[in-house]
C-alpha atoms as a PDB file:
ATOM      1  CA  MET A   1     134.174 217.262  72.490  1.00  0.00           C
ATOM      2  CA  ASN A   2     129.824 216.768  72.822  1.00  0.00           C
ATOM      3  CA  LYS A   3     128.447 220.685  74.864  1.00  0.00           C
ATOM      4  CA  SER A   4     126.028 218.266  76.145  1.00  0.00           C
ATOM      5  CA  ASP A   5     128.416 216.850  78.806  1.00  0.00           C
ATOM      6  CA  ILE A   6     128.985 220.154  79.871  1.00  0.00           C
ATOM      7  CA  LYS A   7     126.905 221.527  83.162  1.00  0.00           C
ATOM      8  CA  ALA A   8     124.725 224.601  83.124  1.00  0.00           C
ATOM      9  CA  CYS A   9     126.280 226.058  87.077  1.00  0.00           C
ATOM     10  CA  TYR A  10     126.701 230.384  87.444  1.00  0.00           C
ATOM     11  CA  ILE A  11     129.697 230.974  89.324  1.00  0.00           C
ATOM     12  CA  GLY A  12     130.268 234.072  90.974  1.00  0.00           C
ATOM     13  CA  PRO A  13     128.508 237.013  93.427  1.00  0.00           C
ATOM     14  CA  GLU A  14     124.621 237.337  92.376  1.00  0.00           C
ATOM     15  CA  ILE A  15     123.543 240.234  90.022  1.00  0.00           C
ATOM     16  CA  SER A  16     120.672 242.316  89.353  1.00  0.00           C
ATOM     17  CA  PRO A  17     117.816 241.510  87.044  1.00  0.00           C
ATOM     18  CA  GLU A  18     118.430 245.254  85.971  1.00  0.00           C
ATOM     19  CA  GLN A  19     118.912 246.500  82.215  1.00  0.00           C
ATOM     20  CA  PHE A  20     121.595 247.792  83.706  1.00  0.00           C
ATOM     21  CA  ILE A  21     124.049 245.564  83.905  1.00  0.00           C
ATOM     22  CA  SER A  22     126.722 246.269  87.231  1.00  0.00           C
ATOM     23  CA  GLU A  23     129.287 243.831  86.774  1.00  0.00           C
ATOM     24  CA  HIS A  24     131.263 241.754  83.686  1.00  0.00           C
ATOM     25  CA  PHE A  25     130.420 237.882  83.183  1.00  0.00           C
ATOM     26  CA  PHE A  26     131.322 235.456  81.398  1.00  0.00           C
ATOM     27  CA  LEU A  27     128.280 233.304  79.166  1.00  0.00           C
ATOM     28  CA  PHE A  28     128.626 230.018  77.411  1.00  0.00           C
ATOM     29  CA  LEU A  29     125.279 229.041  75.819  1.00  0.00           C
ATOM     30  CA  ILE A  30     125.017 225.532  76.135  1.00  0.00           C
ATOM     31  CA  LYS A  31     121.609 225.271  74.285  1.00  0.00           C
ATOM     32  CA  GLY A  32     118.921 227.069  73.270  1.00  0.00           C
ATOM     33  CA  LYS A  33     119.174 230.980  71.958  1.00  0.00           C
ATOM     34  CA  MET A  34     119.590 234.037  73.364  1.00  0.00           C
ATOM     35  CA  GLU A  35     119.122 237.372  71.819  1.00  0.00           C
ATOM     36  CA  GLY A  36     121.066 240.906  73.012  1.00  0.00           C
ATOM     37  CA  TYR A  37     120.237 244.641  72.762  1.00  0.00           C
ATOM     38  CA  ASP A  38     122.223 247.276  74.275  1.00  0.00           C
ATOM     39  CA  GLY A  39     120.231 250.715  72.300  1.00  0.00           C
ATOM     40  CA  HIS A  40     123.096 250.443  69.383  1.00  0.00           C
ATOM     41  CA  LYS A  41     123.075 246.854  68.624  1.00  0.00           C
ATOM     42  CA  HIS A  42     121.678 243.553  68.648  1.00  0.00           C
ATOM     43  CA  TYR A  43     123.240 240.578  68.794  1.00  0.00           C
ATOM     44  CA  THR A  44     122.521 236.245  68.674  1.00  0.00           C
ATOM     45  CA  LEU A  45     124.287 233.498  70.510  1.00  0.00           C
ATOM     46  CA  HIS A  46     124.319 229.932  68.992  1.00  0.00           C
ATOM     47  CA  PRO A  47     124.704 226.571  71.397  1.00  0.00           C
ATOM     48  CA  GLY A  48     128.605 226.538  71.453  1.00  0.00           C
ATOM     49  CA  GLU A  49     129.183 230.658  71.882  1.00  0.00           C
ATOM     50  CA  CYS A  50     130.561 232.625  73.999  1.00  0.00           C
ATOM     51  CA  CYS A  51     130.668 236.576  74.669  1.00  0.00           C
ATOM     52  CA  ILE A  52     131.894 238.350  77.637  1.00  0.00           C
ATOM     53  CA  VAL A  53     128.694 241.153  78.538  1.00  0.00           C
ATOM     54  CA  ARG A  54     129.969 244.572  79.837  1.00  0.00           C
ATOM     55  CA  LYS A  55     129.532 246.682  82.765  1.00  0.00           C
ATOM     56  CA  ASN A  56     128.269 250.062  82.907  1.00  0.00           C
ATOM     57  CA  HIS A  57     125.975 249.523  79.698  1.00  0.00           C
ATOM     58  CA  LEU A  58     122.490 249.071  79.378  1.00  0.00           C
ATOM     59  CA  ALA A  59     121.210 245.966  77.925  1.00  0.00           C
ATOM     60  CA  ARG A  60     118.349 243.928  77.350  1.00  0.00           C
ATOM     61  CA  TYR A  61     118.612 239.978  76.741  1.00  0.00           C
ATOM     62  CA  ASN A  62     115.961 237.022  76.935  1.00  0.00           C
ATOM     63  CA  LYS A  63     116.268 233.620  76.153  1.00  0.00           C
ATOM     64  CA  GLN A  64     115.091 230.804  73.729  1.00  0.00           C
ATOM     65  CA  LYS A  65     114.347 227.516  74.380  1.00  0.00           C
ATOM     66  CA  VAL A  66     115.028 224.994  71.205  1.00  0.00           C
ATOM     67  CA  GLY A  67     113.715 221.289  71.479  1.00  0.00           C
ATOM     68  CA  ASP A  68     112.276 222.941  74.705  1.00  0.00           C
ATOM     69  CA  GLU A  69     115.708 223.307  76.518  1.00  0.00           C
ATOM     70  CA  PHE A  70     117.615 226.089  77.038  1.00  0.00           C
ATOM     71  CA  GLU A  71     121.357 226.140  79.117  1.00  0.00           C
ATOM     72  CA  LYS A  72     123.999 228.424  79.837  1.00  0.00           C
ATOM     73  CA  VAL A  73     127.310 228.410  81.424  1.00  0.00           C
ATOM     74  CA  VAL A  74     127.954 231.500  83.548  1.00  0.00           C
ATOM     75  CA  LEU A  75     130.919 233.481  85.818  1.00  0.00           C
ATOM     76  CA  ILE A  76     130.411 236.843  86.858  1.00  0.00           C
ATOM     77  CA  PHE A  77     134.136 238.746  86.287  1.00  0.00           C
ATOM     78  CA  ASP A  78     133.316 241.419  89.050  1.00  0.00           C
ATOM     79  CA  GLU A  79     135.441 243.930  90.266  1.00  0.00           C
ATOM     80  CA  VAL A  80     137.135 242.964  93.403  1.00  0.00           C
ATOM     81  CA  PHE A  81     137.826 240.023  92.099  1.00  0.00           C
ATOM     82  CA  LEU A  82     139.381 241.709  89.046  1.00  0.00           C
ATOM     83  CA  LYS A  83     141.955 243.080  91.847  1.00  0.00           C
ATOM     84  CA  LYS A  84     142.555 240.993  93.096  1.00  0.00           C
ATOM     85  CA  PHE A  85     143.681 238.729  90.218  1.00  0.00           C
ATOM     86  CA  GLN A  86     145.147 242.250  88.470  1.00  0.00           C
ATOM     87  CA  GLU A  87     148.075 241.941  91.969  1.00  0.00           C
ATOM     88  CA  ARG A  88     148.642 238.224  91.125  1.00  0.00           C
ATOM     89  CA  HIS A  89     148.744 238.829  87.469  1.00  0.00           C
ATOM     90  CA  GLU A  90     150.746 240.882  85.181  1.00  0.00           C
ATOM     91  CA  VAL A  91     147.851 242.302  82.412  1.00  0.00           C
ATOM     92  CA  ALA A  92     149.614 243.333  79.316  1.00  0.00           C
ATOM     93  CA  PRO A  93     147.418 246.828  78.324  1.00  0.00           C
ATOM     94  CA  SER A  94     145.984 246.753  75.134  1.00  0.00           C
ATOM     95  CA  ASP A  95     144.946 249.901  72.583  1.00  0.00           C
ATOM     96  CA  PHE A  96     141.406 248.346  71.223  1.00  0.00           C
ATOM     97  CA  SER A  97     138.363 250.096  72.205  1.00  0.00           C
ATOM     98  CA  SER A  98     134.945 248.834  71.591  1.00  0.00           C
ATOM     99  CA  ASN A  99     131.315 250.447  73.221  1.00  0.00           C
ATOM    100  CA  ASP A 100     129.529 246.638  72.710  1.00  0.00           C
ATOM    101  CA  ALA A 101     127.887 245.636  75.558  1.00  0.00           C
ATOM    102  CA  PHE A 102     128.368 242.524  74.259  1.00  0.00           C
ATOM    103  CA  PHE A 103     131.730 241.184  73.381  1.00  0.00           C
ATOM    104  CA  LEU A 104     131.497 237.612  71.539  1.00  0.00           C
ATOM    105  CA  VAL A 105     135.286 235.377  72.534  1.00  0.00           C
ATOM    106  CA  LYS A 106     136.783 233.265  69.404  1.00  0.00           C
ATOM    107  CA  LYS A 107     136.176 230.275  69.711  1.00  0.00           C
ATOM    108  CA  ASN A 108     138.853 228.098  72.013  1.00  0.00           C
ATOM    109  CA  GLU A 109     139.356 224.641  72.834  1.00  0.00           C
ATOM    110  CA  LEU A 110     140.964 225.580  75.584  1.00  0.00           C
ATOM    111  CA  VAL A 111     137.548 227.738  76.704  1.00  0.00           C
ATOM    112  CA  LEU A 112     136.094 224.612  76.016  1.00  0.00           C
ATOM    113  CA  LYS A 113     138.117 222.194  77.551  1.00  0.00           C
ATOM    114  CA  PHE A 114     137.752 224.437  80.967  1.00  0.00           C
ATOM    115  CA  LEU A 115     134.321 224.563  80.389  1.00  0.00           C
ATOM    116  CA  GLN A 116     134.306 220.371  80.515  1.00  0.00           C
ATOM    117  CA  SER A 117     136.175 220.828  83.551  1.00  0.00           C
ATOM    118  CA  LEU A 118     133.258 222.983  85.724  1.00  0.00           C
ATOM    119  CA  ALA A 119     131.778 220.148  85.822  1.00  0.00           C
ATOM    120  CA  PRO A 120     133.557 217.338  89.254  1.00  0.00           C
ATOM    121  CA  TYR A 121     132.380 220.807  91.115  1.00  0.00           C
ATOM    122  CA  TYR A 122     128.627 221.251  90.130  1.00  0.00           C
ATOM    123  CA  ASP A 123     126.427 220.660  92.559  1.00  0.00           C
ATOM    124  CA  GLY A 124     123.062 220.377  89.878  1.00  0.00           C
ATOM    125  CA  LYS A 125     121.423 222.869  91.638  1.00  0.00           C
ATOM    126  CA  GLY A 126     123.313 225.634  89.276  1.00  0.00           C
ATOM    127  CA  LYS A 127     125.900 226.605  91.900  1.00  0.00           C
ATOM    128  CA  MET A 128     129.604 226.281  92.396  1.00  0.00           C
ATOM    129  CA  ASP A 129     130.829 225.569  96.906  1.00  0.00           C
ATOM    130  CA  GLN A 130     132.529 229.381  96.807  1.00  0.00           C
ATOM    131  CA  THR A 131     136.218 227.375  98.084  1.00  0.00           C
ATOM    132  CA  PHE A 132     136.731 226.398  94.120  1.00  0.00           C
ATOM    133  CA  SER A 133     134.618 229.297  92.566  1.00  0.00           C
ATOM    134  CA  ASP A 134     138.332 231.788  92.479  1.00  0.00           C
ATOM    135  CA  LEU A 135     139.955 229.185  91.850  1.00  0.00           C
ATOM    136  CA  LYS A 136     138.280 228.214  88.262  1.00  0.00           C
ATOM    137  CA  ARG A 137     137.016 231.766  87.042  1.00  0.00           C
ATOM    138  CA  GLU A 138     140.638 232.686  87.575  1.00  0.00           C
ATOM    139  CA  GLU A 139     141.337 230.047  85.557  1.00  0.00           C
ATOM    140  CA  LEU A 140     139.170 231.182  82.530  1.00  0.00           C
ATOM    141  CA  LEU A 141     140.607 234.593  82.683  1.00  0.00           C
ATOM    142  CA  LEU A 142     143.684 233.438  82.515  1.00  0.00           C
ATOM    143  CA  ILE A 143     142.442 231.258  79.062  1.00  0.00           C
ATOM    144  CA  LEU A 144     141.106 234.224  77.683  1.00  0.00           C
ATOM    145  CA  LEU A 145     143.384 237.199  77.944  1.00  0.00           C
ATOM    146  CA  LYS A 146     145.885 234.322  76.942  1.00  0.00           C
ATOM    147  CA  SER A 147     143.745 234.158  73.699  1.00  0.00           C
ATOM    148  CA  GLN A 148     142.136 237.237  73.288  1.00  0.00           C
ATOM    149  CA  PRO A 149     145.374 240.045  75.293  1.00  0.00           C
ATOM    150  CA  GLU A 150     142.368 243.016  73.927  1.00  0.00           C
ATOM    151  CA  LEU A 151     140.089 242.285  76.571  1.00  0.00           C
ATOM    152  CA  SER A 152     142.529 243.581  78.748  1.00  0.00           C
ATOM    153  CA  ASN A 153     141.032 246.813  77.472  1.00  0.00           C
ATOM    154  CA  ILE A 154     137.380 246.172  79.026  1.00  0.00           C
ATOM    155  CA  LEU A 155     137.718 244.277  81.457  1.00  0.00           C
ATOM    156  CA  PHE A 156     140.129 246.049  83.132  1.00  0.00           C
ATOM    157  CA  ASP A 157     138.516 249.916  82.936  1.00  0.00           C
ATOM    158  CA  PHE A 158     137.486 250.495  86.731  1.00  0.00           C
ATOM    159  CA  GLY A 159     136.705 254.107  85.036  1.00  0.00           C
ATOM    160  CA  GLN A 160     133.007 255.191  85.506  1.00  0.00           C
ATOM    161  CA  PRO A 161     130.807 256.414  82.466  1.00  0.00           C
ATOM    162  CA  GLY A 162     132.323 260.379  81.734  1.00  0.00           C
ATOM    163  CA  LYS A 163     129.546 262.842  81.194  1.00  0.00           C
ATOM    164  CA  ILE A 164     128.475 263.004  77.759  1.00  0.00           C
ATOM    165  CA  ASP A 165     124.697 264.567  76.168  1.00  0.00           C
ATOM    166  CA  LEU A 166     121.971 263.691  78.045  1.00  0.00           C
ATOM    167  CA  GLU A 167     120.035 264.454  74.680  1.00  0.00           C
ATOM    168  CA  ALA A 168     121.818 262.716  72.187  1.00  0.00           C
ATOM    169  CA  PHE A 169     121.918 259.469  74.860  1.00  0.00           C
ATOM    170  CA  MET A 170     118.012 259.320  76.093  1.00  0.00           C
ATOM    171  CA  ASN A 171     116.633 259.326  72.753  1.00  0.00           C
ATOM    172  CA  GLN A 172     118.846 255.869  71.885  1.00  0.00           C
ATOM    173  CA  HIS A 173     118.583 254.472  75.427  1.00  0.00           C
ATOM    174  CA  TYR A 174     114.252 255.279  76.988  1.00  0.00           C
ATOM    175  CA  LYS A 175     113.310 252.192  75.822  1.00  0.00           C
ATOM    176  CA  PHE A 176     115.487 250.563  78.627  1.00  0.00           C
ATOM    177  CA  ASN A 177     113.794 249.630  81.929  1.00  0.00           C
ATOM    178  CA  VAL A 178     116.083 251.583  84.485  1.00  0.00           C
ATOM    179  CA  SER A 179     116.309 253.523  87.558  1.00  0.00           C
ATOM    180  CA  ASN A 180     116.756 257.215  86.836  1.00  0.00           C
ATOM    181  CA  GLN A 181     119.509 256.818  88.555  1.00  0.00           C
ATOM    182  CA  ARG A 182     121.685 254.649  86.884  1.00  0.00           C
ATOM    183  CA  LEU A 183     120.722 256.520  83.643  1.00  0.00           C
ATOM    184  CA  ALA A 184     122.100 259.242  86.170  1.00  0.00           C
ATOM    185  CA  PHE A 185     125.751 256.886  86.222  1.00  0.00           C
ATOM    186  CA  MET A 186     125.796 256.545  82.609  1.00  0.00           C
ATOM    187  CA  THR A 187     125.223 259.645  81.752  1.00  0.00           C
ATOM    188  CA  GLY A 188     128.107 260.631  84.542  1.00  0.00           C
ATOM    189  CA  ARG A 189     126.054 262.719  86.217  1.00  0.00           C
ATOM    190  CA  SER A 190     125.023 263.156  90.817  1.00  0.00           C
ATOM    191  CA  LEU A 191     121.893 261.912  90.446  1.00  0.00           C
ATOM    192  CA  SER A 192     119.462 266.029  90.744  1.00  0.00           C
ATOM    193  CA  ALA A 193     122.201 267.289  88.389  1.00  0.00           C
ATOM    194  CA  PHE A 194     121.006 264.810  86.243  1.00  0.00           C
ATOM    195  CA  LYS A 195     117.574 265.967  87.240  1.00  0.00           C
ATOM    196  CA  ARG A 196     118.032 268.907  86.596  1.00  0.00           C
ATOM    197  CA  ASP A 197     119.573 268.761  83.179  1.00  0.00           C
ATOM    198  CA  PHE A 198     117.054 266.485  81.578  1.00  0.00           C
ATOM    199  CA  GLU A 199     114.731 269.491  82.693  1.00  0.00           C
ATOM    200  CA  LYS A 200     116.155 271.700  81.332  1.00  0.00           C
ATOM    201  CA  THR A 201     116.641 270.356  78.217  1.00  0.00           C
ATOM    202  CA  PHE A 202     113.471 268.097  77.640  1.00  0.00           C
ATOM    203  CA  HIS A 203     110.786 271.189  79.659  1.00  0.00           C
ATOM    204  CA  LEU A 204     110.086 267.408  81.691  1.00  0.00           C
ATOM    205  CA  SER A 205     110.352 264.929  84.150  1.00  0.00           C
ATOM    206  CA  PRO A 206     112.274 262.353  83.679  1.00  0.00           C
ATOM    207  CA  ASN A 207     109.553 260.094  85.098  1.00  0.00           C
ATOM    208  CA  ARG A 208     106.798 261.623  82.065  1.00  0.00           C
ATOM    209  CA  TRP A 209     109.886 262.125  79.167  1.00  0.00           C
ATOM    210  CA  LEU A 210     109.805 258.502  79.132  1.00  0.00           C
ATOM    211  CA  VAL A 211     106.367 257.061  79.903  1.00  0.00           C
ATOM    212  CA  LYS A 212     105.918 260.561  76.812  1.00  0.00           C
ATOM    213  CA  LYS A 213     107.940 258.926  74.379  1.00  0.00           C
ATOM    214  CA  ARG A 214     107.869 255.561  74.875  1.00  0.00           C
ATOM    215  CA  LEU A 215     104.049 255.755  74.929  1.00  0.00           C
ATOM    216  CA  GLU A 216     104.567 257.713  71.091  1.00  0.00           C
ATOM    217  CA  GLU A 217     106.792 254.728  69.909  1.00  0.00           C
ATOM    218  CA  ALA A 218     104.200 252.343  70.779  1.00  0.00           C
ATOM    219  CA  TYR A 219     101.483 253.864  68.535  1.00  0.00           C
ATOM    220  CA  PHE A 220     103.410 254.650  65.992  1.00  0.00           C
ATOM    221  CA  LEU A 221     104.224 250.243  66.025  1.00  0.00           C
ATOM    222  CA  LEU A 222     101.227 249.645  66.221  1.00  0.00           C
ATOM    223  CA  GLU A 223      99.709 252.517  63.779  1.00  0.00           C
ATOM    224  CA  LYS A 224     101.702 251.988  61.465  1.00  0.00           C
ATOM    225  CA  HIS A 225     103.177 248.291  62.021  1.00  0.00           C
ATOM    226  CA  GLN A 226      99.933 246.485  62.691  1.00  0.00           C
ATOM    227  CA  GLN A 227     102.543 244.937  65.932  1.00  0.00           C
ATOM    228  CA  LYS A 228     100.268 243.235  68.748  1.00  0.00           C
ATOM    229  CA  PRO A 229     100.263 245.349  72.719  1.00  0.00           C
ATOM    230  CA  ILE A 230     101.738 241.630  74.071  1.00  0.00           C
ATOM    231  CA  ASP A 231     104.735 241.713  71.653  1.00  0.00           C
ATOM    232  CA  ILE A 232     105.921 244.934  72.514  1.00  0.00           C
ATOM    233  CA  TYR A 233     105.908 246.716  75.720  1.00  0.00           C
ATOM    234  CA  LEU A 234     108.105 244.563  77.849  1.00  0.00           C
ATOM    235  CA  ASP A 235     110.763 245.834  74.443  1.00  0.00           C
ATOM    236  CA  LEU A 236     109.479 249.985  75.063  1.00  0.00           C
ATOM    237  CA  GLY A 237     109.940 249.572  79.125  1.00  0.00           C
ATOM    238  CA  PHE A 238     107.211 248.688  80.470  1.00  0.00           C
ATOM    239  CA  GLU A 239     107.472 245.895  83.000  1.00  0.00           C
ATOM    240  CA  ASP A 240     103.819 244.404  82.388  1.00  0.00           C
ATOM    241  CA  LEU A 241     101.430 244.709  80.079  1.00  0.00           C
ATOM    242  CA  SER A 242      98.248 245.901  82.704  1.00  0.00           C
ATOM    243  CA  HIS A 243     100.647 249.226  82.703  1.00  0.00           C
ATOM    244  CA  PHE A 244     101.000 249.631  79.884  1.00  0.00           C
ATOM    245  CA  SER A 245      97.753 249.840  78.740  1.00  0.00           C
ATOM    246  CA  PHE A 246      96.296 251.103  81.801  1.00  0.00           C
ATOM    247  CA  ALA A 247      99.025 254.172  80.258  1.00  0.00           C
ATOM    248  CA  PHE A 248      98.180 254.185  77.032  1.00  0.00           C
ATOM    249  CA  LYS A 249      94.485 254.585  77.528  1.00  0.00           C
ATOM    250  CA  LYS A 250      94.996 257.480  79.621  1.00  0.00           C
ATOM    251  CA  HIS A 251      97.589 259.360  77.137  1.00  0.00           C
ATOM    252  CA  PHE A 252      95.558 259.089  74.293  1.00  0.00           C
ATOM    253  CA  GLY A 253      92.113 258.079  75.884  1.00  0.00           C
ATOM    254  CA  PHE A 254      91.817 254.445  73.764  1.00  0.00           C
ATOM    255  CA  THR A 255      93.420 251.051  74.848  1.00  0.00           C
ATOM    256  CA  PRO A 256      96.502 250.527  72.557  1.00  0.00           C
ATOM    257  CA  SER A 257      94.263 247.109  71.623  1.00  0.00           C
ATOM    258  CA  GLU A 258      92.097 249.591  69.825  1.00  0.00           C
ATOM    259  CA  VAL A 259      94.439 251.180  67.918  1.00  0.00           C
ATOM    260  CA  SER A 260      96.505 247.535  66.735  1.00  0.00           C
ATOM    261  CA  ASN A 261      92.936 245.820  65.380  1.00  0.00           C
ATOM    262  CA  SER A 262      91.206 248.697  63.241  1.00  0.00           C
ATOM    263  CA  GLY A 263      94.856 249.263  62.394  1.00  0.00           C
ATOM    264  CA  LYS A 264      94.365 253.600  63.405  1.00  0.00           C
ATOM    265  CA  VAL A 265      92.988 255.802  65.591  1.00  0.00           C
ATOM    266  CA  GLU A 266      93.431 259.335  65.989  1.00  0.00           C
ATOM    267  CA  ALA A 267      95.735 260.278  68.735  1.00  0.00           C
ATOM    268  CA  PHE A 268      95.113 264.230  68.797  1.00  0.00           C
END
């Protein structure tokens, strides 16, 4: 079976482009390369490999063309779909536990045959008719649970994050560009409780602390590792290079390019 025969498509409801994963999704890479990071580990996906990207996790991932080509198949396992699936099928409980945002799916001939079966339903624009979307997602989920029963403990956990240590979480995840509402949710707090606890812990507002922390890391990378501004601003949670350069100069009094070009500029 030739992977080039598998058509790229996206099946299920739209998901947010944020660095917060709001719904589980299955990802199969056809062409190219993908790299992901969840604040704890780095992941790499090659053609012919697939994974589950898990909801309620912070994750950053980027696609890389190989030979000017990149294709993937994505099927969303949203909570509404999963609850309906659970009503129709007996889902065996599992003791499996993992904090990884990217869970690698074992190579499975049934998965490849399933992906091949998508071709007749694919409209050529990366979408599938809603009539068949739920049926094909259900078919894939049955295959996955048959081959890896431990997935049930990941996909059918509908609980919300509990209250965790705020300082440890923020120091681990400050590079992710997400809203305060998402950070509050991830740490098991209401938005007001998150802001209150944040002030007590860091003596700054969340927005001011995040900018300061990211800029200090940027200075370290520019000065100690001679990295270029264009290579680091996205990984540090800045939306564009001009915003990063403006914030950096406002904080330190000189531009990030001055640091990277000279090797060192006295920051204090």
